[in-house]
Amino acid sequence: MRGVRFFAIVFALWACLPAMLRAEPAPVECAIAPDGESASVMLTNPRNDRASCQANCKFATGVYNDNPQIICTKPVPGKKQVEMCILRATGNKFQSVVAAMADCRKL
């Protein structure tokens, strides 16, 4: 019963937060260069105003359990697409994108 009450309180507090404080999912593109030596992270801010955006991309290489990941964060103008960052391969070349996600929240 105590756990249910705690969950209800936490959920109520979260629901009361203004929508502008919550992160909004954003379109992200994790693109691997043709030579596999680097990857770029492009993000589009879905909001109308400037926002703090974060992108996360994870890549596969030809080596078992070698999945380089990059997390980029920076301010992005409203409704604009920007290059968030570039990741250079430090050994094994990138072969594919394993996971990609991004979000933006009001500054």
PDB file of N, CA and C in Angstrom:
ATOM      1  N   MET A   1       0.826  -1.189   0.000  1.00  0.00           N
ATOM      2  CA  MET A   1       0.000   0.000   0.000  1.00  0.00           C
ATOM      3  C   MET A   1       0.873   1.258   0.000  1.00  0.00           C
ATOM      4  N   ARG A   2       1.959   1.185   0.738  1.00  0.00           N
ATOM      5  CA  ARG A   2       2.854   2.340   0.832  1.00  0.00           C
ATOM      6  C   ARG A   2       3.466   2.686  -0.533  1.00  0.00           C
ATOM      7  N   GLY A   3       3.845   1.633  -1.297  1.00  0.00           N
ATOM      8  CA  GLY A   3       4.415   1.842  -2.621  1.00  0.00           C
ATOM      9  C   GLY A   3       3.414   2.457  -3.587  1.00  0.00           C
ATOM     10  N   VAL A   4       2.164   2.035  -3.491  1.00  0.00           N
ATOM     11  CA  VAL A   4       1.118   2.569  -4.359  1.00  0.00           C
ATOM     12  C   VAL A   4       0.898   4.046  -4.059  1.00  0.00           C
ATOM     13  N   ARG A   5       0.887   4.391  -2.801  1.00  0.00           N
ATOM     14  CA  ARG A   5       0.691   5.786  -2.390  1.00  0.00           C
ATOM     15  C   ARG A   5       1.858   6.650  -2.891  1.00  0.00           C
ATOM     16  N   PHE A   6       3.084   6.143  -2.762  1.00  0.00           N
ATOM     17  CA  PHE A   6       4.261   6.875  -3.234  1.00  0.00           C
ATOM     18  C   PHE A   6       4.169   7.102  -4.741  1.00  0.00           C
ATOM     19  N   PHE A   7       3.810   6.044  -5.484  1.00  0.00           N
ATOM     20  CA  PHE A   7       3.674   6.157  -6.939  1.00  0.00           C
ATOM     21  C   PHE A   7       2.607   7.186  -7.295  1.00  0.00           C
ATOM     22  N   ALA A   8       1.495   7.176  -6.593  1.00  0.00           N
ATOM     23  CA  ALA A   8       0.410   8.126  -6.870  1.00  0.00           C
ATOM     24  C   ALA A   8       0.863   9.560  -6.633  1.00  0.00           C
ATOM     25  N   ILE A   9       1.630   9.788  -5.590  1.00  0.00           N
ATOM     26  CA  ILE A   9       2.130  11.137  -5.297  1.00  0.00           C
ATOM     27  C   ILE A   9       3.110  11.585  -6.371  1.00  0.00           C
ATOM     28  N   VAL A  10       4.030  10.710  -6.743  1.00  0.00           N
ATOM     29  CA  VAL A  10       5.013  11.046  -7.773  1.00  0.00           C
ATOM     30  C   VAL A  10       4.305  11.338  -9.099  1.00  0.00           C
ATOM     31  N   PHE A  11       3.336  10.515  -9.460  1.00  0.00           N
ATOM     32  CA  PHE A  11       2.603  10.734 -10.711  1.00  0.00           C
ATOM     33  C   PHE A  11       1.840  12.056 -10.677  1.00  0.00           C
ATOM     34  N   ALA A  12       1.225  12.363  -9.556  1.00  0.00           N
ATOM     35  CA  ALA A  12       0.470  13.620  -9.427  1.00  0.00           C
ATOM     36  C   ALA A  12       1.401  14.820  -9.582  1.00  0.00           C
ATOM     37  N   LEU A  13       2.584  14.749  -8.977  1.00  0.00           N
ATOM     38  CA  LEU A  13       3.545  15.849  -9.103  1.00  0.00           C
ATOM     39  C   LEU A  13       4.012  16.003 -10.543  1.00  0.00           C
ATOM     40  N   TRP A  14       4.273  14.884 -11.199  1.00  0.00           N
ATOM     41  CA  TRP A  14       4.717  14.930 -12.591  1.00  0.00           C
ATOM     42  C   TRP A  14       3.623  15.518 -13.476  1.00  0.00           C
ATOM     43  N   ALA A  15       2.392  15.115 -13.252  1.00  0.00           N
ATOM     44  CA  ALA A  15       1.271  15.587 -14.071  1.00  0.00           C
ATOM     45  C   ALA A  15       1.035  17.076 -13.888  1.00  0.00           C
ATOM     46  N   CYS A  16       1.421  17.609 -12.752  1.00  0.00           N
ATOM     47  CA  CYS A  16       1.206  19.028 -12.473  1.00  0.00           C
ATOM     48  C   CYS A  16       2.279  19.925 -13.089  1.00  0.00           C
ATOM     49  N   LEU A  17       3.390  19.343 -13.505  1.00  0.00           N
ATOM     50  CA  LEU A  17       4.436  20.157 -14.114  1.00  0.00           C
ATOM     51  C   LEU A  17       3.905  20.816 -15.368  1.00  0.00           C
ATOM     52  N   PRO A  18       4.250  22.057 -15.600  1.00  0.00           N
ATOM     53  CA  PRO A  18       3.808  22.703 -16.837  1.00  0.00           C
ATOM     54  C   PRO A  18       4.365  21.956 -18.045  1.00  0.00           C
ATOM     55  N   ALA A  19       3.575  21.896 -19.099  1.00  0.00           N
ATOM     56  CA  ALA A  19       3.988  21.174 -20.311  1.00  0.00           C
ATOM     57  C   ALA A  19       5.289  21.727 -20.872  1.00  0.00           C
ATOM     58  N   MET A  20       5.563  23.006 -20.676  1.00  0.00           N
ATOM     59  CA  MET A  20       6.780  23.589 -21.231  1.00  0.00           C
ATOM     60  C   MET A  20       8.050  23.068 -20.564  1.00  0.00           C
ATOM     61  N   LEU A  21       7.930  22.472 -19.385  1.00  0.00           N
ATOM     62  CA  LEU A  21       9.113  21.944 -18.707  1.00  0.00           C
ATOM     63  C   LEU A  21       9.427  20.507 -19.126  1.00  0.00           C
ATOM     64  N   ARG A  22       8.470  19.836 -19.734  1.00  0.00           N
ATOM     65  CA  ARG A  22       8.683  18.454 -20.157  1.00  0.00           C
ATOM     66  C   ARG A  22       9.405  18.403 -21.496  1.00  0.00           C
ATOM     67  N   ALA A  23      10.190  17.389 -21.664  1.00  0.00           N
ATOM     68  CA  ALA A  23      10.900  17.209 -22.934  1.00  0.00           C
ATOM     69  C   ALA A  23       9.925  16.740 -24.007  1.00  0.00           C
ATOM     70  N   GLU A  24      10.115  17.248 -25.204  1.00  0.00           N
ATOM     71  CA  GLU A  24       9.290  16.865 -26.344  1.00  0.00           C
ATOM     72  C   GLU A  24      10.152  16.052 -27.302  1.00  0.00           C
ATOM     73  N   PRO A  25       9.699  14.888 -27.755  1.00  0.00           N
ATOM     74  CA  PRO A  25      10.494  14.083 -28.687  1.00  0.00           C
ATOM     75  C   PRO A  25      10.853  14.895 -29.938  1.00  0.00           C
ATOM     76  N   ALA A  26      12.040  14.673 -30.449  1.00  0.00           N
ATOM     77  CA  ALA A  26      12.512  15.410 -31.620  1.00  0.00           C
ATOM     78  C   ALA A  26      13.023  14.439 -32.675  1.00  0.00           C
ATOM     79  N   PRO A  27      12.817  14.766 -33.955  1.00  0.00           N
ATOM     80  CA  PRO A  27      13.365  13.928 -35.026  1.00  0.00           C
ATOM     81  C   PRO A  27      14.892  13.992 -35.013  1.00  0.00           C
ATOM     82  N   VAL A  28      15.530  12.845 -35.139  1.00  0.00           N
ATOM     83  CA  VAL A  28      16.989  12.785 -35.132  1.00  0.00           C
ATOM     84  C   VAL A  28      17.453  11.864 -36.262  1.00  0.00           C
ATOM     85  N   GLU A  29      18.587  12.214 -36.834  1.00  0.00           N
ATOM     86  CA  GLU A  29      19.189  11.401 -37.890  1.00  0.00           C
ATOM     87  C   GLU A  29      20.649  11.144 -37.527  1.00  0.00           C
ATOM     88  N   CYS A  30      20.994   9.881 -37.395  1.00  0.00           N
ATOM     89  CA  CYS A  30      22.366   9.481 -37.123  1.00  0.00           C
ATOM     90  C   CYS A  30      22.903   8.899 -38.439  1.00  0.00           C
ATOM     91  N   ALA A  31      23.774   9.642 -39.093  1.00  0.00           N
ATOM     92  CA  ALA A  31      24.251   9.241 -40.416  1.00  0.00           C
ATOM     93  C   ALA A  31      25.719   8.830 -40.365  1.00  0.00           C
ATOM     94  N   ILE A  32      26.006   7.670 -40.908  1.00  0.00           N
ATOM     95  CA  ILE A  32      27.373   7.155 -40.964  1.00  0.00           C
ATOM     96  C   ILE A  32      27.987   7.567 -42.303  1.00  0.00           C
ATOM     97  N   ALA A  33      29.208   8.099 -42.260  1.00  0.00           N
ATOM     98  CA  ALA A  33      29.919   8.468 -43.486  1.00  0.00           C
ATOM     99  C   ALA A  33      30.169   7.210 -44.322  1.00  0.00           C
ATOM    100  N   PRO A  34      30.256   7.333 -45.644  1.00  0.00           N
ATOM    101  CA  PRO A  34      30.471   6.168 -46.513  1.00  0.00           C
ATOM    102  C   PRO A  34      31.706   5.333 -46.144  1.00  0.00           C
ATOM    103  N   ASP A  35      32.746   5.990 -45.617  1.00  0.00           N
ATOM    104  CA  ASP A  35      33.959   5.242 -45.250  1.00  0.00           C
ATOM    105  C   ASP A  35      33.860   4.594 -43.862  1.00  0.00           C
ATOM    106  N   GLY A  36      32.789   4.868 -43.117  1.00  0.00           N
ATOM    107  CA  GLY A  36      32.599   4.279 -41.793  1.00  0.00           C
ATOM    108  C   GLY A  36      33.485   4.865 -40.713  1.00  0.00           C
ATOM    109  N   GLU A  37      34.246   5.891 -41.038  1.00  0.00           N
ATOM    110  CA  GLU A  37      35.196   6.476 -40.090  1.00  0.00           C
ATOM    111  C   GLU A  37      34.574   7.537 -39.171  1.00  0.00           C
ATOM    112  N   SER A  38      33.386   8.031 -39.517  1.00  0.00           N
ATOM    113  CA  SER A  38      32.734   9.040 -38.686  1.00  0.00           C
ATOM    114  C   SER A  38      31.225   8.958 -38.849  1.00  0.00           C
ATOM    115  N   ALA A  39      30.530   9.610 -37.946  1.00  0.00           N
ATOM    116  CA  ALA A  39      29.067   9.674 -38.001  1.00  0.00           C
ATOM    117  C   ALA A  39      28.642  11.051 -37.533  1.00  0.00           C
ATOM    118  N   SER A  40      27.599  11.589 -38.157  1.00  0.00           N
ATOM    119  CA  SER A  40      27.083  12.893 -37.746  1.00  0.00           C
ATOM    120  C   SER A  40      25.691  12.726 -37.168  1.00  0.00           C
ATOM    121  N   VAL A  41      25.349  13.637 -36.272  1.00  0.00           N
ATOM    122  CA  VAL A  41      24.050  13.611 -35.600  1.00  0.00           C
ATOM    123  C   VAL A  41      23.315  14.894 -35.949  1.00  0.00           C
ATOM    124  N   MET A  42      22.184  14.753 -36.663  1.00  0.00           N
ATOM    125  CA  MET A  42      21.347  15.883 -37.054  1.00  0.00           C
ATOM    126  C   MET A  42      20.045  15.816 -36.263  1.00  0.00           C
ATOM    127  N   LEU A  43      19.589  16.975 -35.802  1.00  0.00           N
ATOM    128  CA  LEU A  43      18.370  17.041 -35.007  1.00  0.00           C
ATOM    129  C   LEU A  43      17.526  18.212 -35.474  1.00  0.00           C
ATOM    130  N   THR A  44      16.204  18.040 -35.457  1.00  0.00           N
ATOM    131  CA  THR A  44      15.277  19.121 -35.769  1.00  0.00           C
ATOM    132  C   THR A  44      14.479  19.447 -34.521  1.00  0.00           C
ATOM    133  N   ASN A  45      14.520  20.712 -34.115  1.00  0.00           N
ATOM    134  CA  ASN A  45      13.758  21.163 -32.955  1.00  0.00           C
ATOM    135  C   ASN A  45      12.288  21.262 -33.352  1.00  0.00           C
ATOM    136  N   PRO A  46      11.396  20.472 -32.723  1.00  0.00           N
ATOM    137  CA  PRO A  46       9.980  20.504 -33.095  1.00  0.00           C
ATOM    138  C   PRO A  46       9.225  21.703 -32.505  1.00  0.00           C
ATOM    139  N   ARG A  47       9.845  22.387 -31.585  1.00  0.00           N
ATOM    140  CA  ARG A  47       9.187  23.511 -30.909  1.00  0.00           C
ATOM    141  C   ARG A  47       9.259  24.777 -31.766  1.00  0.00           C
ATOM    142  N   ASN A  48       8.402  25.732 -31.470  1.00  0.00           N
ATOM    143  CA  ASN A  48       8.404  27.017 -32.176  1.00  0.00           C
ATOM    144  C   ASN A  48       9.476  27.958 -31.639  1.00  0.00           C
ATOM    145  N   ASP A  49       9.943  27.696 -30.434  1.00  0.00           N
ATOM    146  CA  ASP A  49      10.924  28.574 -29.795  1.00  0.00           C
ATOM    147  C   ASP A  49      12.253  27.842 -29.594  1.00  0.00           C
ATOM    148  N   ARG A  50      13.266  28.614 -29.257  1.00  0.00           N
ATOM    149  CA  ARG A  50      14.598  28.052 -28.978  1.00  0.00           C
ATOM    150  C   ARG A  50      14.483  27.063 -27.820  1.00  0.00           C
ATOM    151  N   ALA A  51      15.212  25.956 -27.922  1.00  0.00           N
ATOM    152  CA  ALA A  51      15.114  24.917 -26.904  1.00  0.00           C
ATOM    153  C   ALA A  51      16.459  24.256 -26.673  1.00  0.00           C
ATOM    154  N   SER A  52      16.592  23.654 -25.508  1.00  0.00           N
ATOM    155  CA  SER A  52      17.758  22.845 -25.192  1.00  0.00           C
ATOM    156  C   SER A  52      17.456  21.438 -25.686  1.00  0.00           C
ATOM    157  N   CYS A  53      18.250  20.967 -26.634  1.00  0.00           N
ATOM    158  CA  CYS A  53      17.991  19.662 -27.247  1.00  0.00           C
ATOM    159  C   CYS A  53      19.123  18.689 -26.944  1.00  0.00           C
ATOM    160  N   GLN A  54      18.749  17.422 -26.850  1.00  0.00           N
ATOM    161  CA  GLN A  54      19.713  16.358 -26.597  1.00  0.00           C
ATOM    162  C   GLN A  54      19.465  15.236 -27.593  1.00  0.00           C
ATOM    163  N   ALA A  55      20.535  14.751 -28.202  1.00  0.00           N
ATOM    164  CA  ALA A  55      20.453  13.637 -29.143  1.00  0.00           C
ATOM    165  C   ALA A  55      21.360  12.514 -28.668  1.00  0.00           C
ATOM    166  N   ASN A  56      20.920  11.284 -28.882  1.00  0.00           N
ATOM    167  CA  ASN A  56      21.665  10.115 -28.453  1.00  0.00           C
ATOM    168  C   ASN A  56      21.679   9.112 -29.608  1.00  0.00           C
ATOM    169  N   CYS A  57      22.875   8.744 -30.070  1.00  0.00           N
ATOM    170  CA  CYS A  57      23.011   7.765 -31.154  1.00  0.00           C
ATOM    171  C   CYS A  57      23.968   6.663 -30.717  1.00  0.00           C
ATOM    172  N   LYS A  58      23.602   5.443 -31.058  1.00  0.00           N
ATOM    173  CA  LYS A  58      24.426   4.280 -30.739  1.00  0.00           C
ATOM    174  C   LYS A  58      24.673   3.518 -32.039  1.00  0.00           C
ATOM    175  N   PHE A  59      25.914   3.089 -32.243  1.00  0.00           N
ATOM    176  CA  PHE A  59      26.316   2.463 -33.500  1.00  0.00           C
ATOM    177  C   PHE A  59      26.867   1.057 -33.278  1.00  0.00           C
ATOM    178  N   ALA A  60      26.791   0.254 -34.322  1.00  0.00           N
ATOM    179  CA  ALA A  60      27.391  -1.087 -34.298  1.00  0.00           C
ATOM    180  C   ALA A  60      28.653  -1.070 -35.142  1.00  0.00           C
ATOM    181  N   THR A  61      29.626  -1.870 -34.729  1.00  0.00           N
ATOM    182  CA  THR A  61      30.848  -2.079 -35.507  1.00  0.00           C
ATOM    183  C   THR A  61      30.899  -3.570 -35.851  1.00  0.00           C
ATOM    184  N   GLY A  62      31.940  -3.983 -36.511  1.00  0.00           N
ATOM    185  CA  GLY A  62      32.073  -5.391 -36.859  1.00  0.00           C
ATOM    186  C   GLY A  62      32.534  -6.259 -35.708  1.00  0.00           C
ATOM    187  N   VAL A  63      32.754  -5.672 -34.536  1.00  0.00           N
ATOM    188  CA  VAL A  63      33.259  -6.406 -33.382  1.00  0.00           C
ATOM    189  C   VAL A  63      32.124  -6.640 -32.386  1.00  0.00           C
ATOM    190  N   TYR A  64      32.013  -7.872 -31.888  1.00  0.00           N
ATOM    191  CA  TYR A  64      30.965  -8.219 -30.934  1.00  0.00           C
ATOM    192  C   TYR A  64      30.983  -7.283 -29.727  1.00  0.00           C
ATOM    193  N   ASN A  65      29.820  -6.770 -29.382  1.00  0.00           N
ATOM    194  CA  ASN A  65      29.612  -5.935 -28.197  1.00  0.00           C
ATOM    195  C   ASN A  65      30.407  -4.622 -28.233  1.00  0.00           C
ATOM    196  N   ASP A  66      30.778  -4.166 -29.419  1.00  0.00           N
ATOM    197  CA  ASP A  66      31.455  -2.869 -29.569  1.00  0.00           C
ATOM    198  C   ASP A  66      30.439  -1.913 -30.194  1.00  0.00           C
ATOM    199  N   ASN A  67      29.775  -1.137 -29.341  1.00  0.00           N
ATOM    200  CA  ASN A  67      28.709  -0.240 -29.775  1.00  0.00           C
ATOM    201  C   ASN A  67      28.973   1.177 -29.288  1.00  0.00           C
ATOM    202  N   PRO A  68      29.791   1.944 -30.017  1.00  0.00           N
ATOM    203  CA  PRO A  68      30.057   3.321 -29.613  1.00  0.00           C
ATOM    204  C   PRO A  68      28.759   4.133 -29.533  1.00  0.00           C
ATOM    205  N   GLN A  69      28.722   5.028 -28.570  1.00  0.00           N
ATOM    206  CA  GLN A  69      27.536   5.854 -28.362  1.00  0.00           C
ATOM    207  C   GLN A  69      27.960   7.301 -28.181  1.00  0.00           C
ATOM    208  N   ILE A  70      27.141   8.217 -28.669  1.00  0.00           N
ATOM    209  CA  ILE A  70      27.414   9.633 -28.488  1.00  0.00           C
ATOM    210  C   ILE A  70      26.141  10.324 -28.019  1.00  0.00           C
ATOM    211  N   ILE A  71      26.307  11.249 -27.083  1.00  0.00           N
ATOM    212  CA  ILE A  71      25.205  12.063 -26.583  1.00  0.00           C
ATOM    213  C   ILE A  71      25.614  13.523 -26.752  1.00  0.00           C
ATOM    214  N   CYS A  72      24.803  14.283 -27.475  1.00  0.00           N
ATOM    215  CA  CYS A  72      25.094  15.690 -27.754  1.00  0.00           C
ATOM    216  C   CYS A  72      23.975  16.553 -27.181  1.00  0.00           C
ATOM    217  N   THR A  73      24.348  17.688 -26.623  1.00  0.00           N
ATOM    218  CA  THR A  73      23.364  18.620 -26.081  1.00  0.00           C
ATOM    219  C   THR A  73      23.759  20.037 -26.451  1.00  0.00           C
ATOM    220  N   LYS A  74      22.788  20.810 -26.943  1.00  0.00           N
ATOM    221  CA  LYS A  74      23.037  22.226 -27.206  1.00  0.00           C
ATOM    222  C   LYS A  74      21.720  22.934 -27.521  1.00  0.00           C
ATOM    223  N   PRO A  75      21.708  24.270 -27.445  1.00  0.00           N
ATOM    224  CA  PRO A  75      20.504  25.019 -27.800  1.00  0.00           C
ATOM    225  C   PRO A  75      20.273  24.976 -29.313  1.00  0.00           C
ATOM    226  N   VAL A  76      18.994  24.851 -29.702  1.00  0.00           N
ATOM    227  CA  VAL A  76      18.632  24.786 -31.117  1.00  0.00           C
ATOM    228  C   VAL A  76      17.475  25.761 -31.359  1.00  0.00           C
ATOM    229  N   PRO A  77      17.586  26.606 -32.403  1.00  0.00           N
ATOM    230  CA  PRO A  77      16.489  27.525 -32.726  1.00  0.00           C
ATOM    231  C   PRO A  77      15.207  26.759 -33.075  1.00  0.00           C
ATOM    232  N   GLY A  78      14.063  27.396 -32.861  1.00  0.00           N
ATOM    233  CA  GLY A  78      12.775  26.775 -33.137  1.00  0.00           C
ATOM    234  C   GLY A  78      12.622  26.355 -34.587  1.00  0.00           C
ATOM    235  N   LYS A  79      12.084  25.145 -34.787  1.00  0.00           N
ATOM    236  CA  LYS A  79      11.789  24.596 -36.111  1.00  0.00           C
ATOM    237  C   LYS A  79      13.002  24.509 -37.037  1.00  0.00           C
ATOM    238  N   LYS A  80      14.206  24.461 -36.479  1.00  0.00           N
ATOM    239  CA  LYS A  80      15.437  24.395 -37.282  1.00  0.00           C
ATOM    240  C   LYS A  80      16.102  23.036 -37.137  1.00  0.00           C
ATOM    241  N   GLN A  81      16.774  22.625 -38.218  1.00  0.00           N
ATOM    242  CA  GLN A  81      17.591  21.416 -38.173  1.00  0.00           C
ATOM    243  C   GLN A  81      19.045  21.835 -38.058  1.00  0.00           C
ATOM    244  N   VAL A  82      19.769  21.212 -37.126  1.00  0.00           N
ATOM    245  CA  VAL A  82      21.182  21.536 -36.928  1.00  0.00           C
ATOM    246  C   VAL A  82      21.990  20.249 -36.776  1.00  0.00           C
ATOM    247  N   GLU A  83      23.286  20.366 -37.081  1.00  0.00           N
ATOM    248  CA  GLU A  83      24.196  19.261 -36.794  1.00  0.00           C
ATOM    249  C   GLU A  83      24.598  19.395 -35.333  1.00  0.00           C
ATOM    250  N   MET A  84      24.256  18.405 -34.563  1.00  0.00           N
ATOM    251  CA  MET A  84      24.531  18.445 -33.127  1.00  0.00           C
ATOM    252  C   MET A  84      25.995  18.138 -32.837  1.00  0.00           C
ATOM    253  N   CYS A  85      26.550  17.120 -33.497  1.00  0.00           N
ATOM    254  CA  CYS A  85      27.935  16.739 -33.252  1.00  0.00           C
ATOM    255  C   CYS A  85      28.389  15.699 -34.272  1.00  0.00           C
ATOM    256  N   ILE A  86      29.669  15.394 -34.236  1.00  0.00           N
ATOM    257  CA  ILE A  86      30.271  14.375 -35.092  1.00  0.00           C
ATOM    258  C   ILE A  86      31.075  13.438 -34.198  1.00  0.00           C
ATOM    259  N   LEU A  87      30.941  12.148 -34.443  1.00  0.00           N
ATOM    260  CA  LEU A  87      31.694  11.139 -33.702  1.00  0.00           C
ATOM    261  C   LEU A  87      32.674  10.488 -34.662  1.00  0.00           C
ATOM    262  N   ARG A  88      33.936  10.452 -34.294  1.00  0.00           N
ATOM    263  CA  ARG A  88      34.973   9.811 -35.112  1.00  0.00           C
ATOM    264  C   ARG A  88      35.238   8.398 -34.573  1.00  0.00           C
ATOM    265  N   ALA A  89      35.386   7.454 -35.465  1.00  0.00           N
ATOM    266  CA  ALA A  89      35.704   6.079 -35.067  1.00  0.00           C
ATOM    267  C   ALA A  89      37.126   6.055 -34.513  1.00  0.00           C
ATOM    268  N   THR A  90      37.300   5.376 -33.397  1.00  0.00           N
ATOM    269  CA  THR A  90      38.628   5.316 -32.768  1.00  0.00           C
ATOM    270  C   THR A  90      39.336   3.991 -33.039  1.00  0.00           C
ATOM    271  N   GLY A  91      38.749   3.157 -33.833  1.00  0.00           N
ATOM    272  CA  GLY A  91      39.354   1.868 -34.142  1.00  0.00           C
ATOM    273  C   GLY A  91      38.512   1.160 -35.178  1.00  0.00           C
ATOM    274  N   ASN A  92      37.448   0.528 -34.727  1.00  0.00           N
ATOM    275  CA  ASN A  92      36.563  -0.202 -35.627  1.00  0.00           C
ATOM    276  C   ASN A  92      35.604   0.761 -36.326  1.00  0.00           C
ATOM    277  N   LYS A  93      35.382   0.527 -37.606  1.00  0.00           N
ATOM    278  CA  LYS A  93      34.496   1.385 -38.390  1.00  0.00           C
ATOM    279  C   LYS A  93      33.029   1.167 -37.989  1.00  0.00           C
ATOM    280  N   PHE A  94      32.241   2.232 -38.124  1.00  0.00           N
ATOM    281  CA  PHE A  94      30.813   2.134 -37.879  1.00  0.00           C
ATOM    282  C   PHE A  94      30.163   1.379 -39.039  1.00  0.00           C
ATOM    283  N   GLN A  95      29.221   0.474 -38.704  1.00  0.00           N
ATOM    284  CA  GLN A  95      28.529  -0.279 -39.743  1.00  0.00           C
ATOM    285  C   GLN A  95      27.047   0.051 -39.828  1.00  0.00           C
ATOM    286  N   SER A  96      26.423   0.264 -38.683  1.00  0.00           N
ATOM    287  CA  SER A  96      24.989   0.558 -38.683  1.00  0.00           C
ATOM    288  C   SER A  96      24.601   1.318 -37.418  1.00  0.00           C
ATOM    289  N   VAL A  97      23.407   1.903 -37.475  1.00  0.00           N
ATOM    290  CA  VAL A  97      22.850   2.603 -36.309  1.00  0.00           C
ATOM    291  C   VAL A  97      22.034   1.595 -35.517  1.00  0.00           C
ATOM    292  N   VAL A  98      22.335   1.471 -34.229  1.00  0.00           N
ATOM    293  CA  VAL A  98      21.631   0.544 -33.344  1.00  0.00           C
ATOM    294  C   VAL A  98      20.436   1.232 -32.692  1.00  0.00           C
ATOM    295  N   ALA A  99      20.621   2.482 -32.276  1.00  0.00           N
ATOM    296  CA  ALA A  99      19.541   3.221 -31.589  1.00  0.00           C
ATOM    297  C   ALA A  99      19.736   4.709 -31.808  1.00  0.00           C
ATOM    298  N   ALA A 100      18.615   5.426 -31.834  1.00  0.00           N
ATOM    299  CA  ALA A 100      18.656   6.879 -31.983  1.00  0.00           C
ATOM    300  C   ALA A 100      17.446   7.479 -31.285  1.00  0.00           C
ATOM    301  N   MET A 101      17.669   8.501 -30.481  1.00  0.00           N
ATOM    302  CA  MET A 101      16.558   9.206 -29.842  1.00  0.00           C
ATOM    303  C   MET A 101      17.003  10.628 -29.520  1.00  0.00           C
ATOM    304  N   ALA A 102      16.015  11.503 -29.439  1.00  0.00           N
ATOM    305  CA  ALA A 102      16.309  12.901 -29.149  1.00  0.00           C
ATOM    306  C   ALA A 102      15.085  13.563 -28.538  1.00  0.00           C
ATOM    307  N   ASP A 103      15.339  14.637 -27.799  1.00  0.00           N
ATOM    308  CA  ASP A 103      14.246  15.437 -27.258  1.00  0.00           C
ATOM    309  C   ASP A 103      14.701  16.861 -27.059  1.00  0.00           C
ATOM    310  N   CYS A 104      13.731  17.753 -26.943  1.00  0.00           N
ATOM    311  CA  CYS A 104      13.998  19.178 -26.736  1.00  0.00           C
ATOM    312  C   CYS A 104      13.087  19.685 -25.624  1.00  0.00           C
ATOM    313  N   ARG A 105      13.597  20.617 -24.846  1.00  0.00           N
ATOM    314  CA  ARG A 105      12.779  21.264 -23.814  1.00  0.00           C
ATOM    315  C   ARG A 105      13.050  22.748 -23.816  1.00  0.00           C
ATOM    316  N   LYS A 106      12.057  23.503 -23.416  1.00  0.00           N
ATOM    317  CA  LYS A 106      12.153  24.964 -23.400  1.00  0.00           C
ATOM    318  C   LYS A 106      13.308  25.411 -22.536  1.00  0.00           C
ATOM    319  N   LEU A 107      14.035  26.409 -23.016  1.00  0.00           N
ATOM    320  CA  LEU A 107      15.159  26.982 -22.241  1.00  0.00           C
ATOM    321  C   LEU A 107      14.633  27.835 -21.115  1.00  0.00           C
TER     322      LEU A 107
END
